[in-house]
Amino acid sequence: MEKNELIQRLEQAPGKTFVEDGYFYGYALIKRVTGEETTAIVRKPVSAQYRKYEVLYYTPEIKL
């Protein structure tokens, strides 16, 4: 899925999250070592542990 399509689906989904093809998609607030915070679209397998996720796109224009 492309970034704009993901943003559109997340904005329309309840809680700004959704599950598709065994993956959970949502937003995450990422805090970098420098202290800077940015928003990202992430995905993880539905059965994965809480902290194991993959960053698909950084989206600093989205504010949580």
Protein backbone atom coordinates (compact mmCIF):
# COMPACT_ATOMS: atom_id res chain seq x y z
CA MET A 1 0.00 0.00 0.00
CA GLU A 2 1.19 3.51 -0.75
CA LYS A 3 1.61 6.16 1.93
CA ASN A 4 -1.42 8.24 0.91
CA GLU A 5 -3.67 5.18 0.76
CA LEU A 6 -2.53 4.10 4.23
CA ILE A 7 -3.12 7.57 5.67
CA GLN A 8 -6.62 7.66 4.15
CA ARG A 9 -7.52 4.20 5.52
CA LEU A 10 -6.12 5.01 8.97
CA GLU A 11 -8.03 8.30 9.15
CA GLN A 12 -11.31 6.51 8.31
CA ALA A 13 -10.76 3.56 10.64
CA PRO A 14 -12.10 3.51 14.21
CA GLY A 15 -9.23 4.26 16.57
CA LYS A 16 -7.04 5.02 13.54
CA THR A 17 -5.97 1.37 13.32
CA PHE A 18 -6.96 -1.58 11.14
CA VAL A 19 -6.04 -5.21 10.44
CA GLU A 20 -5.49 -6.57 6.94
CA ASP A 21 -3.90 -9.80 5.68
CA GLY A 22 -2.67 -10.74 9.16
CA TYR A 23 -1.02 -7.37 9.87
CA PHE A 24 -2.03 -4.64 12.31
CA TYR A 25 -1.57 -1.12 10.88
CA GLY A 26 -1.52 2.05 12.96
CA TYR A 27 0.29 5.19 13.99
CA ALA A 28 3.16 5.31 16.47
CA LEU A 29 4.96 8.18 18.12
CA ILE A 30 8.68 7.58 17.63
CA LYS A 31 11.17 9.24 19.97
CA ARG A 32 14.65 9.39 18.50
CA VAL A 33 17.91 9.34 20.42
CA THR A 34 18.22 13.10 19.82
CA GLY A 35 14.96 13.63 21.71
CA GLU A 36 13.05 14.56 18.56
CA GLU A 37 9.58 13.03 18.26
CA THR A 38 7.96 12.12 14.95
CA THR A 39 4.92 10.15 13.88
CA ALA A 40 5.17 6.99 11.80
CA ILE A 41 2.85 4.52 10.16
CA VAL A 42 3.77 1.07 11.45
CA ARG A 43 2.71 -2.51 10.92
CA LYS A 44 3.23 -5.73 12.81
CA PRO A 45 1.95 -9.26 12.53
CA VAL A 46 -1.22 -9.64 14.59
CA SER A 47 0.40 -12.33 16.76
CA ALA A 48 3.69 -10.42 17.36
CA GLN A 49 4.89 -9.06 20.66
CA TYR A 50 3.99 -5.47 21.48
CA ARG A 51 7.30 -3.80 20.60
CA LYS A 52 8.11 -5.74 17.43
CA TYR A 53 6.88 -3.59 14.57
CA GLU A 54 8.08 -2.32 11.20
CA VAL A 55 8.08 1.37 10.31
CA LEU A 56 6.55 1.77 6.86
CA TYR A 57 6.57 5.57 6.55
CA TYR A 58 7.56 8.52 8.71
CA THR A 59 4.73 11.04 8.69
CA PRO A 60 5.74 14.14 10.66
CA GLU A 61 2.80 16.02 9.15
CA ILE A 62 0.39 13.81 11.18
CA LYS A 63 -0.05 14.91 14.78
CA LEU A 64 -1.36 12.43 17.35
